[in-house]
Amino acid sequence: MLFNYSTLILFLFVAVFLKGCSRGHRIFIESFIVLGLSIPLGSIGLISDINIHFDNSRSIFVEAQITDKYEREHRSRRSKWYSYHINVEAINNIAQFNLPRTISVSQAVYNSVNKNGTIRIEIGRGRLKHQWYRSINNIGF
């Protein structure tokens, strides 16, 4: 929400203070394009935040076995970073939720689990009905 208001304030700032400038119309159009592109991107984050923060529903708990775990290296010109993934298979099938085969996790979760181990996934239903992971905990080997 703050992102969209800040975009609007910046747009109004450009419109008011550059009104009499000789190149004001050009800066106004450039600002409109850049700030106009930021609204959809900010809205994605806003919708996600609303879905998570206003979710008052009870959690769904799914137990799953880890069939595989792997890290993937990503490179750009100047740096490299890693993403961590686990492949899972649900043990207790919940009709309300289809567990994806691969889940991207933090490095801490990745390091705490073992292949063929068992995890408990706490799933929030989401205020906007888009389910999300509240937590992933290792419960056994």
N, C-alpha and C. Protein backbone atom coordinates (compact mmCIF):
# COMPACT_ATOMS: atom_id res chain seq x y z
N MET A 1 0.82 -1.18 0.00
CA MET A 1 0.00 0.00 0.00
C MET A 1 0.86 1.25 0.00
N LEU A 2 1.91 1.24 0.79
CA LEU A 2 2.83 2.36 0.87
C LEU A 2 3.47 2.61 -0.48
N PHE A 3 3.77 1.51 -1.20
CA PHE A 3 4.43 1.63 -2.50
C PHE A 3 3.56 2.40 -3.48
N ASN A 4 2.28 2.12 -3.53
CA ASN A 4 1.39 2.80 -4.46
C ASN A 4 1.21 4.27 -4.10
N TYR A 5 1.15 4.59 -2.81
CA TYR A 5 1.04 5.98 -2.39
C TYR A 5 2.31 6.75 -2.71
N SER A 6 3.46 6.12 -2.51
CA SER A 6 4.72 6.80 -2.82
C SER A 6 4.84 7.05 -4.32
N THR A 7 4.35 6.14 -5.15
CA THR A 7 4.36 6.34 -6.59
C THR A 7 3.48 7.53 -6.95
N LEU A 8 2.32 7.62 -6.36
CA LEU A 8 1.41 8.74 -6.62
C LEU A 8 2.02 10.06 -6.16
N ILE A 9 2.66 10.08 -5.00
CA ILE A 9 3.29 11.30 -4.49
C ILE A 9 4.42 11.75 -5.41
N LEU A 10 5.25 10.81 -5.87
CA LEU A 10 6.33 11.15 -6.79
C LEU A 10 5.77 11.71 -8.10
N PHE A 11 4.71 11.12 -8.59
CA PHE A 11 4.10 11.59 -9.83
C PHE A 11 3.55 13.01 -9.65
N LEU A 12 2.91 13.27 -8.54
CA LEU A 12 2.39 14.62 -8.28
C LEU A 12 3.54 15.62 -8.09
N PHE A 13 4.63 15.20 -7.46
CA PHE A 13 5.80 16.06 -7.29
C PHE A 13 6.35 16.49 -8.64
N VAL A 14 6.50 15.54 -9.56
CA VAL A 14 7.00 15.85 -10.89
C VAL A 14 6.04 16.79 -11.61
N ALA A 15 4.75 16.54 -11.50
CA ALA A 15 3.76 17.37 -12.19
C ALA A 15 3.74 18.80 -11.66
N VAL A 16 3.84 18.99 -10.37
CA VAL A 16 3.74 20.32 -9.77
C VAL A 16 5.02 21.13 -9.94
N PHE A 17 6.15 20.56 -9.62
CA PHE A 17 7.40 21.31 -9.59
C PHE A 17 8.08 21.46 -10.95
N LEU A 18 7.72 20.68 -11.91
CA LEU A 18 8.34 20.81 -13.23
C LEU A 18 7.36 21.37 -14.26
N LYS A 19 6.30 21.96 -13.80
CA LYS A 19 5.26 22.48 -14.69
C LYS A 19 5.79 23.60 -15.59
N GLY A 20 6.58 24.51 -15.05
CA GLY A 20 7.07 25.65 -15.82
C GLY A 20 8.41 25.42 -16.47
N CYS A 21 9.00 24.28 -16.29
CA CYS A 21 10.33 23.98 -16.83
C CYS A 21 10.24 23.76 -18.34
N SER A 22 11.30 24.18 -19.07
CA SER A 22 11.29 24.03 -20.52
C SER A 22 11.27 22.57 -20.97
N ARG A 23 11.86 21.71 -20.17
CA ARG A 23 11.84 20.29 -20.50
C ARG A 23 10.89 19.52 -19.59
N GLY A 24 10.03 20.23 -18.93
CA GLY A 24 9.11 19.63 -17.98
C GLY A 24 8.22 18.58 -18.60
N HIS A 25 7.74 18.84 -19.81
CA HIS A 25 6.84 17.88 -20.46
C HIS A 25 7.56 16.56 -20.74
N ARG A 26 8.84 16.64 -21.11
CA ARG A 26 9.61 15.43 -21.39
C ARG A 26 9.86 14.63 -20.10
N ILE A 27 10.24 15.32 -19.05
CA ILE A 27 10.46 14.67 -17.76
C ILE A 27 9.15 14.09 -17.23
N PHE A 28 8.06 14.82 -17.46
CA PHE A 28 6.74 14.36 -17.03
C PHE A 28 6.38 13.04 -17.73
N ILE A 29 6.62 12.95 -19.02
CA ILE A 29 6.30 11.74 -19.77
C ILE A 29 7.20 10.58 -19.33
N GLU A 30 8.51 10.86 -19.17
CA GLU A 30 9.42 9.81 -18.71
C GLU A 30 9.03 9.31 -17.32
N SER A 31 8.69 10.23 -16.45
CA SER A 31 8.27 9.84 -15.09
C SER A 31 6.99 9.04 -15.13
N PHE A 32 6.07 9.44 -16.00
CA PHE A 32 4.81 8.71 -16.13
C PHE A 32 5.06 7.27 -16.56
N ILE A 33 5.99 7.08 -17.50
CA ILE A 33 6.30 5.73 -17.97
C ILE A 33 6.93 4.89 -16.85
N VAL A 34 7.97 5.45 -16.20
CA VAL A 34 8.68 4.69 -15.16
C VAL A 34 7.77 4.43 -13.97
N LEU A 35 7.08 5.45 -13.51
CA LEU A 35 6.20 5.27 -12.35
C LEU A 35 4.98 4.44 -12.71
N GLY A 36 4.53 4.53 -13.94
CA GLY A 36 3.39 3.72 -14.39
C GLY A 36 3.73 2.24 -14.40
N LEU A 37 4.98 1.91 -14.72
CA LEU A 37 5.40 0.51 -14.69
C LEU A 37 5.56 -0.01 -13.26
N SER A 38 5.80 0.88 -12.33
CA SER A 38 6.00 0.44 -10.95
C SER A 38 4.68 0.08 -10.25
N ILE A 39 3.58 0.60 -10.73
CA ILE A 39 2.29 0.32 -10.09
C ILE A 39 1.92 -1.17 -10.18
N PRO A 40 2.00 -1.81 -11.35
CA PRO A 40 1.68 -3.25 -11.37
C PRO A 40 2.61 -4.09 -10.51
N LEU A 41 3.89 -3.75 -10.51
CA LEU A 41 4.83 -4.51 -9.69
C LEU A 41 4.54 -4.32 -8.21
N GLY A 42 4.22 -3.11 -7.82
CA GLY A 42 3.87 -2.86 -6.42
C GLY A 42 2.57 -3.52 -6.04
N SER A 43 1.65 -3.62 -6.99
CA SER A 43 0.37 -4.25 -6.71
C SER A 43 0.50 -5.74 -6.45
N ILE A 44 1.45 -6.39 -7.11
CA ILE A 44 1.69 -7.81 -6.86
C ILE A 44 2.09 -8.02 -5.41
N GLY A 45 3.02 -7.21 -4.93
CA GLY A 45 3.44 -7.29 -3.54
C GLY A 45 2.31 -6.95 -2.59
N LEU A 46 1.50 -5.96 -2.95
CA LEU A 46 0.38 -5.56 -2.11
C LEU A 46 -0.64 -6.69 -1.97
N ILE A 47 -0.97 -7.34 -3.06
CA ILE A 47 -1.93 -8.45 -3.03
C ILE A 47 -1.38 -9.60 -2.19
N SER A 48 -0.10 -9.90 -2.34
CA SER A 48 0.52 -10.95 -1.54
C SER A 48 0.48 -10.60 -0.06
N ASP A 49 0.80 -9.36 0.28
CA ASP A 49 0.76 -8.93 1.68
C ASP A 49 -0.64 -9.01 2.27
N ILE A 50 -1.64 -8.60 1.51
CA ILE A 50 -3.03 -8.68 1.99
C ILE A 50 -3.40 -10.14 2.23
N ASN A 51 -3.04 -11.01 1.30
CA ASN A 51 -3.36 -12.43 1.41
C ASN A 51 -2.76 -13.04 2.67
N ILE A 52 -1.52 -12.66 3.00
CA ILE A 52 -0.83 -13.26 4.15
C ILE A 52 -1.21 -12.60 5.46
N HIS A 53 -1.18 -11.28 5.52
CA HIS A 53 -1.35 -10.58 6.79
C HIS A 53 -2.79 -10.57 7.31
N PHE A 54 -3.75 -10.69 6.43
CA PHE A 54 -5.15 -10.69 6.87
C PHE A 54 -5.75 -12.09 6.89
N ASP A 55 -4.88 -13.11 6.83
CA ASP A 55 -5.33 -14.50 6.87
C ASP A 55 -5.53 -14.92 8.32
N ASN A 56 -6.78 -15.10 8.73
CA ASN A 56 -7.11 -15.52 10.09
C ASN A 56 -7.60 -16.96 10.15
N SER A 57 -7.46 -17.68 9.07
CA SER A 57 -7.98 -19.04 9.00
C SER A 57 -7.08 -20.01 9.77
N ARG A 58 -7.64 -21.17 10.06
CA ARG A 58 -6.87 -22.22 10.73
C ARG A 58 -5.91 -22.84 9.72
N SER A 59 -4.79 -23.30 10.23
CA SER A 59 -3.77 -23.89 9.37
C SER A 59 -4.14 -25.30 8.92
N ILE A 60 -3.61 -25.67 7.79
CA ILE A 60 -3.68 -27.04 7.29
C ILE A 60 -2.29 -27.63 7.51
N PHE A 61 -2.20 -28.82 8.09
CA PHE A 61 -0.91 -29.47 8.33
C PHE A 61 -0.79 -30.66 7.40
N VAL A 62 0.31 -30.70 6.66
CA VAL A 62 0.59 -31.80 5.75
C VAL A 62 1.94 -32.38 6.11
N GLU A 63 1.99 -33.69 6.26
CA GLU A 63 3.27 -34.36 6.47
C GLU A 63 3.73 -34.92 5.13
N ALA A 64 5.03 -34.76 4.87
CA ALA A 64 5.57 -35.20 3.59
C ALA A 64 6.94 -35.81 3.78
N GLN A 65 7.27 -36.73 2.89
CA GLN A 65 8.59 -37.32 2.89
C GLN A 65 9.43 -36.62 1.83
N ILE A 66 10.68 -36.36 2.17
CA ILE A 66 11.59 -35.71 1.23
C ILE A 66 12.21 -36.78 0.35
N THR A 67 11.92 -36.74 -0.94
CA THR A 67 12.46 -37.73 -1.86
C THR A 67 13.80 -37.31 -2.42
N ASP A 68 14.06 -35.99 -2.43
CA ASP A 68 15.34 -35.48 -2.92
C ASP A 68 15.51 -34.05 -2.45
N LYS A 69 16.75 -33.60 -2.37
CA LYS A 69 17.03 -32.21 -2.07
C LYS A 69 18.24 -31.79 -2.90
N TYR A 70 18.20 -30.56 -3.39
CA TYR A 70 19.30 -30.09 -4.23
C TYR A 70 19.40 -28.57 -4.16
N GLU A 71 20.59 -28.09 -4.45
CA GLU A 71 20.80 -26.65 -4.54
C GLU A 71 21.17 -26.32 -5.98
N ARG A 72 20.76 -25.16 -6.41
CA ARG A 72 21.01 -24.73 -7.77
C ARG A 72 21.83 -23.44 -7.73
N GLU A 73 22.90 -23.41 -8.51
CA GLU A 73 23.75 -22.23 -8.58
C GLU A 73 23.26 -21.32 -9.71
N HIS A 74 23.17 -20.03 -9.40
CA HIS A 74 22.77 -19.04 -10.39
C HIS A 74 23.91 -18.04 -10.54
N ARG A 75 24.18 -17.62 -11.75
CA ARG A 75 25.28 -16.69 -12.00
C ARG A 75 24.81 -15.49 -12.81
N SER A 76 25.43 -14.38 -12.49
CA SER A 76 25.32 -13.20 -13.33
C SER A 76 26.75 -12.78 -13.65
N ARG A 77 26.93 -11.66 -14.25
CA ARG A 77 28.28 -11.24 -14.62
C ARG A 77 29.20 -11.08 -13.40
N ARG A 78 28.66 -10.52 -12.35
CA ARG A 78 29.51 -10.16 -11.21
C ARG A 78 29.30 -11.01 -9.96
N SER A 79 28.28 -11.82 -9.94
CA SER A 79 28.02 -12.55 -8.70
C SER A 79 27.38 -13.90 -9.00
N LYS A 80 27.31 -14.68 -7.96
CA LYS A 80 26.57 -15.94 -8.05
C LYS A 80 25.83 -16.13 -6.73
N TRP A 81 24.73 -16.85 -6.79
CA TRP A 81 23.93 -17.13 -5.62
C TRP A 81 23.28 -18.50 -5.80
N TYR A 82 22.74 -18.99 -4.70
CA TYR A 82 22.18 -20.34 -4.71
C TYR A 82 20.71 -20.30 -4.33
N SER A 83 19.93 -21.20 -4.92
CA SER A 83 18.56 -21.44 -4.48
C SER A 83 18.50 -22.89 -4.01
N TYR A 84 17.65 -23.13 -3.03
CA TYR A 84 17.57 -24.44 -2.37
C TYR A 84 16.19 -25.04 -2.58
N HIS A 85 16.14 -26.32 -2.92
CA HIS A 85 14.89 -26.98 -3.29
C HIS A 85 14.81 -28.36 -2.64
N ILE A 86 13.58 -28.75 -2.31
CA ILE A 86 13.33 -30.11 -1.85
C ILE A 86 12.20 -30.70 -2.68
N ASN A 87 12.33 -31.96 -3.01
CA ASN A 87 11.25 -32.70 -3.67
C ASN A 87 10.52 -33.47 -2.58
N VAL A 88 9.21 -33.38 -2.58
CA VAL A 88 8.43 -33.99 -1.50
C VAL A 88 7.29 -34.84 -2.07
N GLU A 89 6.86 -35.76 -1.22
CA GLU A 89 5.70 -36.60 -1.53
C GLU A 89 4.84 -36.66 -0.27
N ALA A 90 3.58 -36.26 -0.39
CA ALA A 90 2.69 -36.17 0.76
C ALA A 90 2.45 -37.55 1.38
N ILE A 91 2.49 -37.59 2.70
CA ILE A 91 2.19 -38.82 3.44
C ILE A 91 0.71 -38.85 3.78
N ASN A 92 0.23 -37.79 4.38
CA ASN A 92 -1.21 -37.69 4.67
C ASN A 92 -1.82 -36.74 3.64
N ASN A 93 -2.60 -37.30 2.75
CA ASN A 93 -3.17 -36.52 1.67
C ASN A 93 -4.35 -35.69 2.17
N ILE A 94 -4.29 -34.42 1.98
CA ILE A 94 -5.37 -33.51 2.36
C ILE A 94 -6.10 -33.11 1.09
N ALA A 95 -7.39 -33.33 1.06
CA ALA A 95 -8.17 -33.05 -0.14
C ALA A 95 -8.20 -31.56 -0.47
N GLN A 96 -8.03 -30.70 0.55
CA GLN A 96 -8.12 -29.26 0.34
C GLN A 96 -6.86 -28.67 -0.28
N PHE A 97 -5.78 -29.44 -0.33
CA PHE A 97 -4.51 -28.89 -0.79
C PHE A 97 -3.73 -29.91 -1.59
N ASN A 98 -3.27 -29.51 -2.75
CA ASN A 98 -2.39 -30.36 -3.56
C ASN A 98 -0.96 -29.89 -3.35
N LEU A 99 -0.16 -30.73 -2.76
CA LEU A 99 1.22 -30.39 -2.46
C LEU A 99 2.05 -30.48 -3.74
N PRO A 100 2.78 -29.41 -4.08
CA PRO A 100 3.63 -29.48 -5.28
C PRO A 100 4.79 -30.45 -5.07
N ARG A 101 5.31 -30.97 -6.12
CA ARG A 101 6.40 -31.94 -6.04
C ARG A 101 7.69 -31.28 -5.57
N THR A 102 7.99 -30.07 -6.02
CA THR A 102 9.21 -29.36 -5.65
C THR A 102 8.85 -28.08 -4.91
N ILE A 103 9.55 -27.83 -3.80
CA ILE A 103 9.33 -26.62 -3.01
C ILE A 103 10.67 -25.91 -2.86
N SER A 104 10.68 -24.63 -3.14
CA SER A 104 11.86 -23.81 -2.92
C SER A 104 11.88 -23.38 -1.45
N VAL A 105 12.99 -23.59 -0.77
CA VAL A 105 13.08 -23.33 0.67
C VAL A 105 14.29 -22.44 0.97
N SER A 106 14.34 -21.95 2.19
CA SER A 106 15.50 -21.16 2.64
C SER A 106 16.67 -22.10 2.89
N GLN A 107 17.86 -21.50 3.00
CA GLN A 107 19.05 -22.30 3.28
C GLN A 107 18.95 -22.98 4.65
N ALA A 108 18.33 -22.31 5.62
CA ALA A 108 18.20 -22.89 6.96
C ALA A 108 17.33 -24.15 6.92
N VAL A 109 16.22 -24.11 6.21
CA VAL A 109 15.35 -25.29 6.10
C VAL A 109 16.09 -26.39 5.33
N TYR A 110 16.76 -26.01 4.25
CA TYR A 110 17.51 -26.98 3.44
C TYR A 110 18.54 -27.73 4.28
N ASN A 111 19.26 -27.00 5.12
CA ASN A 111 20.29 -27.62 5.96
C ASN A 111 19.71 -28.46 7.09
N SER A 112 18.48 -28.18 7.50
CA SER A 112 17.89 -28.90 8.63
C SER A 112 17.21 -30.21 8.24
N VAL A 113 17.00 -30.45 6.95
CA VAL A 113 16.30 -31.66 6.51
C VAL A 113 17.26 -32.62 5.83
N ASN A 114 16.86 -33.89 5.82
CA ASN A 114 17.64 -34.94 5.16
C ASN A 114 16.80 -35.65 4.13
N LYS A 115 17.48 -36.19 3.11
CA LYS A 115 16.79 -36.99 2.11
C LYS A 115 16.16 -38.18 2.81
N ASN A 116 14.94 -38.53 2.45
CA ASN A 116 14.11 -39.58 3.04
C ASN A 116 13.62 -39.22 4.44
N GLY A 117 13.84 -37.99 4.87
CA GLY A 117 13.32 -37.53 6.14
C GLY A 117 11.87 -37.10 5.99
N THR A 118 11.26 -36.74 7.10
CA THR A 118 9.85 -36.33 7.11
C THR A 118 9.76 -34.89 7.60
N ILE A 119 8.90 -34.13 6.94
CA ILE A 119 8.67 -32.74 7.34
C ILE A 119 7.18 -32.50 7.56
N ARG A 120 6.88 -31.50 8.36
CA ARG A 120 5.50 -31.07 8.55
C ARG A 120 5.40 -29.65 7.97
N ILE A 121 4.48 -29.49 7.04
CA ILE A 121 4.28 -28.20 6.38
C ILE A 121 3.00 -27.60 6.91
N GLU A 122 3.09 -26.39 7.43
CA GLU A 122 1.91 -25.66 7.89
C GLU A 122 1.51 -24.70 6.78
N ILE A 123 0.27 -24.85 6.33
CA ILE A 123 -0.22 -24.09 5.18
C ILE A 123 -1.34 -23.17 5.62
N GLY A 124 -1.24 -21.90 5.25
CA GLY A 124 -2.31 -20.95 5.48
C GLY A 124 -3.24 -20.93 4.28
N ARG A 125 -4.53 -20.78 4.52
CA ARG A 125 -5.50 -20.78 3.43
C ARG A 125 -5.48 -19.48 2.63
N GLY A 126 -5.07 -18.39 3.26
CA GLY A 126 -4.97 -17.10 2.58
C GLY A 126 -6.28 -16.34 2.58
N ARG A 127 -6.21 -15.07 2.87
CA ARG A 127 -7.41 -14.22 2.88
C ARG A 127 -8.06 -14.16 1.50
N LEU A 128 -7.22 -14.17 0.46
CA LEU A 128 -7.71 -14.12 -0.92
C LEU A 128 -7.76 -15.50 -1.56
N LYS A 129 -7.77 -16.53 -0.70
CA LYS A 129 -7.87 -17.94 -1.11
C LYS A 129 -6.66 -18.42 -1.92
N HIS A 130 -5.51 -17.80 -1.71
CA HIS A 130 -4.27 -18.27 -2.33
C HIS A 130 -3.41 -18.83 -1.21
N GLN A 131 -3.29 -20.16 -1.17
CA GLN A 131 -2.62 -20.83 -0.06
C GLN A 131 -1.13 -20.51 -0.05
N TRP A 132 -0.55 -20.47 1.17
CA TRP A 132 0.85 -20.13 1.34
C TRP A 132 1.44 -20.94 2.49
N TYR A 133 2.77 -21.11 2.48
CA TYR A 133 3.45 -21.89 3.52
C TYR A 133 3.72 -21.00 4.72
N ARG A 134 3.15 -21.37 5.87
CA ARG A 134 3.45 -20.66 7.11
C ARG A 134 4.77 -21.12 7.69
N SER A 135 5.00 -22.42 7.67
CA SER A 135 6.28 -22.96 8.16
C SER A 135 6.51 -24.35 7.59
N ILE A 136 7.79 -24.72 7.60
CA ILE A 136 8.22 -26.07 7.20
C ILE A 136 9.17 -26.54 8.28
N ASN A 137 8.81 -27.64 8.96
CA ASN A 137 9.60 -28.13 10.09
C ASN A 137 9.99 -29.58 9.89
N ASN A 138 11.23 -29.89 10.24
CA ASN A 138 11.74 -31.25 10.18
C ASN A 138 11.19 -32.03 11.37
N ILE A 139 10.58 -33.19 11.13
CA ILE A 139 10.02 -33.96 12.25
C ILE A 139 10.62 -35.35 12.35
N GLY A 140 11.52 -35.73 11.47
CA GLY A 140 12.11 -37.06 11.59
C GLY A 140 13.04 -37.36 10.45
N PHE A 141 13.77 -38.47 10.63
CA PHE A 141 14.73 -38.87 9.63
C PHE A 141 14.16 -39.98 8.82
